[in-house]
N, C-alpha and C. Protein backbone atom coordinates (compact mmCIF):
# COMPACT_ATOMS: atom_id res chain seq x y z
N GLY A 1 34.31 7.83 -5.04
CA GLY A 1 33.22 8.32 -5.87
C GLY A 1 31.92 8.31 -5.11
N ALA A 2 30.99 8.99 -5.65
CA ALA A 2 29.65 9.09 -5.05
C ALA A 2 28.82 7.86 -5.41
N ASN A 3 27.86 7.57 -4.57
CA ASN A 3 26.96 6.45 -4.83
C ASN A 3 25.54 6.94 -5.07
N PHE A 4 25.41 8.20 -5.49
CA PHE A 4 24.09 8.74 -5.78
C PHE A 4 24.18 9.80 -6.86
N LEU A 5 23.01 10.10 -7.44
CA LEU A 5 22.86 11.20 -8.39
C LEU A 5 22.03 12.27 -7.71
N PHE A 6 22.32 13.50 -8.01
CA PHE A 6 21.52 14.62 -7.54
C PHE A 6 21.05 15.32 -8.80
N ALA A 7 19.78 15.10 -9.17
CA ALA A 7 19.33 15.50 -10.49
C ALA A 7 17.94 16.13 -10.44
N ARG A 8 17.66 16.88 -11.49
CA ARG A 8 16.32 17.46 -11.65
C ARG A 8 15.92 17.39 -13.11
N HIS A 9 14.65 17.54 -13.36
CA HIS A 9 14.12 17.62 -14.72
C HIS A 9 13.59 19.03 -14.88
N PRO A 10 13.96 19.74 -15.94
CA PRO A 10 13.56 21.15 -16.06
C PRO A 10 12.05 21.36 -16.21
N GLY A 11 11.33 20.32 -16.62
CA GLY A 11 9.90 20.49 -16.84
C GLY A 11 9.01 19.87 -15.78
N HIS A 12 9.61 19.32 -14.72
CA HIS A 12 8.81 18.63 -13.71
C HIS A 12 9.32 18.96 -12.32
N ALA A 13 8.41 19.23 -11.42
CA ALA A 13 8.77 19.54 -10.03
C ALA A 13 9.30 18.30 -9.33
N GLY A 14 10.29 18.49 -8.47
CA GLY A 14 10.87 17.38 -7.73
C GLY A 14 9.86 16.64 -6.88
N GLN A 15 8.99 17.37 -6.22
CA GLN A 15 7.96 16.74 -5.37
C GLN A 15 7.06 15.84 -6.20
N ALA A 16 6.64 16.30 -7.36
CA ALA A 16 5.76 15.51 -8.22
C ALA A 16 6.46 14.25 -8.72
N LEU A 17 7.71 14.36 -9.10
CA LEU A 17 8.45 13.19 -9.55
C LEU A 17 8.64 12.20 -8.41
N MET A 18 8.96 12.70 -7.22
CA MET A 18 9.12 11.82 -6.07
C MET A 18 7.82 11.06 -5.79
N THR A 19 6.71 11.76 -5.83
CA THR A 19 5.42 11.14 -5.57
C THR A 19 5.10 10.07 -6.62
N ALA A 20 5.33 10.39 -7.88
CA ALA A 20 5.05 9.43 -8.95
C ALA A 20 5.95 8.20 -8.83
N LEU A 21 7.20 8.40 -8.47
CA LEU A 21 8.10 7.25 -8.27
C LEU A 21 7.67 6.43 -7.07
N ARG A 22 7.28 7.09 -6.00
CA ARG A 22 6.84 6.39 -4.80
C ARG A 22 5.62 5.51 -5.10
N GLU A 23 4.71 6.01 -5.94
CA GLU A 23 3.54 5.22 -6.33
C GLU A 23 3.95 3.94 -7.05
N ARG A 24 5.14 3.96 -7.64
CA ARG A 24 5.68 2.78 -8.32
C ARG A 24 6.65 2.01 -7.42
N ARG A 25 6.64 2.33 -6.15
CA ARG A 25 7.46 1.68 -5.12
C ARG A 25 8.95 1.89 -5.33
N ILE A 26 9.29 3.07 -5.85
CA ILE A 26 10.69 3.47 -6.02
C ILE A 26 10.92 4.65 -5.09
N LEU A 27 11.86 4.49 -4.18
CA LEU A 27 12.11 5.53 -3.18
C LEU A 27 13.32 6.36 -3.56
N VAL A 28 13.13 7.66 -3.58
CA VAL A 28 14.20 8.62 -3.80
C VAL A 28 14.08 9.68 -2.71
N ARG A 29 15.09 10.46 -2.54
CA ARG A 29 15.07 11.50 -1.50
C ARG A 29 14.74 12.84 -2.14
N HIS A 30 13.80 13.56 -1.55
CA HIS A 30 13.42 14.89 -2.01
C HIS A 30 13.68 15.88 -0.89
N PHE A 31 14.15 17.06 -1.25
CA PHE A 31 14.43 18.11 -0.27
C PHE A 31 13.50 19.29 -0.54
N SER A 32 12.97 19.89 0.50
CA SER A 32 12.03 21.00 0.32
C SER A 32 12.69 22.37 0.43
N THR A 33 13.99 22.42 0.68
CA THR A 33 14.70 23.68 0.75
C THR A 33 14.58 24.39 -0.60
N PRO A 34 14.26 25.69 -0.61
CA PRO A 34 14.02 26.39 -1.88
C PRO A 34 15.09 26.18 -2.95
N ARG A 35 16.33 26.22 -2.59
CA ARG A 35 17.39 26.13 -3.59
C ARG A 35 17.48 24.76 -4.28
N VAL A 36 17.05 23.71 -3.62
CA VAL A 36 17.16 22.36 -4.18
C VAL A 36 15.83 21.62 -4.26
N ARG A 37 14.72 22.34 -4.15
CA ARG A 37 13.42 21.66 -4.07
C ARG A 37 13.03 20.88 -5.33
N ASP A 38 13.63 21.18 -6.46
CA ASP A 38 13.29 20.42 -7.67
C ASP A 38 14.25 19.27 -7.94
N PHE A 39 15.19 19.06 -7.02
CA PHE A 39 16.17 17.98 -7.19
C PHE A 39 15.75 16.73 -6.42
N LEU A 40 16.18 15.60 -6.94
CA LEU A 40 16.01 14.33 -6.26
C LEU A 40 17.38 13.72 -6.04
N ARG A 41 17.55 13.10 -4.90
CA ARG A 41 18.77 12.35 -4.62
C ARG A 41 18.44 10.89 -4.89
N ILE A 42 19.09 10.33 -5.89
CA ILE A 42 18.81 8.98 -6.34
C ILE A 42 20.03 8.11 -6.04
N THR A 43 19.87 7.16 -5.15
CA THR A 43 20.97 6.26 -4.81
C THR A 43 21.18 5.27 -5.95
N ILE A 44 22.44 5.04 -6.28
CA ILE A 44 22.78 4.09 -7.34
C ILE A 44 22.60 2.69 -6.77
N GLY A 45 21.82 1.88 -7.47
CA GLY A 45 21.57 0.51 -7.01
C GLY A 45 22.15 -0.49 -7.99
N THR A 46 21.53 -1.63 -8.03
CA THR A 46 21.96 -2.68 -8.96
C THR A 46 21.56 -2.28 -10.39
N ALA A 47 22.09 -3.01 -11.35
CA ALA A 47 21.72 -2.75 -12.75
C ALA A 47 20.21 -2.91 -12.94
N ALA A 48 19.62 -3.91 -12.30
CA ALA A 48 18.18 -4.14 -12.42
C ALA A 48 17.40 -2.97 -11.81
N GLN A 49 17.85 -2.46 -10.68
CA GLN A 49 17.17 -1.33 -10.05
C GLN A 49 17.28 -0.08 -10.92
N CYS A 50 18.43 0.13 -11.51
CA CYS A 50 18.61 1.29 -12.40
C CYS A 50 17.71 1.16 -13.63
N GLN A 51 17.57 -0.04 -14.14
CA GLN A 51 16.67 -0.29 -15.27
C GLN A 51 15.23 0.01 -14.89
N THR A 52 14.82 -0.43 -13.71
CA THR A 52 13.46 -0.18 -13.22
C THR A 52 13.21 1.32 -13.09
N LEU A 53 14.18 2.05 -12.56
CA LEU A 53 14.07 3.50 -12.44
C LEU A 53 13.93 4.14 -13.81
N GLY A 54 14.76 3.72 -14.76
CA GLY A 54 14.70 4.28 -16.11
C GLY A 54 13.35 4.08 -16.77
N VAL A 55 12.82 2.88 -16.65
CA VAL A 55 11.50 2.58 -17.22
C VAL A 55 10.43 3.44 -16.53
N ALA A 56 10.48 3.52 -15.21
CA ALA A 56 9.49 4.31 -14.47
C ALA A 56 9.55 5.79 -14.86
N LEU A 57 10.75 6.34 -14.94
CA LEU A 57 10.88 7.75 -15.32
C LEU A 57 10.37 7.99 -16.75
N THR A 58 10.66 7.07 -17.65
CA THR A 58 10.16 7.19 -19.02
C THR A 58 8.64 7.20 -19.01
N ASP A 59 8.03 6.28 -18.27
CA ASP A 59 6.57 6.22 -18.17
C ASP A 59 6.01 7.50 -17.58
N ILE A 60 6.60 7.99 -16.51
CA ILE A 60 6.12 9.21 -15.86
C ILE A 60 6.23 10.41 -16.80
N LEU A 61 7.37 10.56 -17.45
CA LEU A 61 7.61 11.73 -18.28
C LEU A 61 6.84 11.70 -19.58
N THR A 62 6.41 10.53 -20.02
CA THR A 62 5.61 10.44 -21.24
C THR A 62 4.12 10.26 -20.94
N GLY A 63 3.77 10.23 -19.65
CA GLY A 63 2.36 10.15 -19.28
C GLY A 63 1.76 8.76 -19.31
N ARG A 64 2.59 7.74 -19.41
CA ARG A 64 2.06 6.37 -19.39
C ARG A 64 1.75 5.97 -17.95
N PRO A 65 0.65 5.27 -17.75
CA PRO A 65 0.31 4.84 -16.39
C PRO A 65 1.29 3.80 -15.87
N GLY A 66 1.47 3.81 -14.56
CA GLY A 66 2.39 2.84 -13.93
C GLY A 66 1.65 1.70 -13.44
């Protein structure tokens, strides 16, 4: 099985999400190739890391400051 997710959000650019996550010290991989530029490669981590990512994405997508 894979140890990562390759995902995008239909309402947010991949670069912007990567930057917002990086500001919260969460590293994901972003690709600038036109076909996949809105996708992020997110490595599956520990349960605690996944929880941190979920909280951060919720904050980012709802406009709450990090």
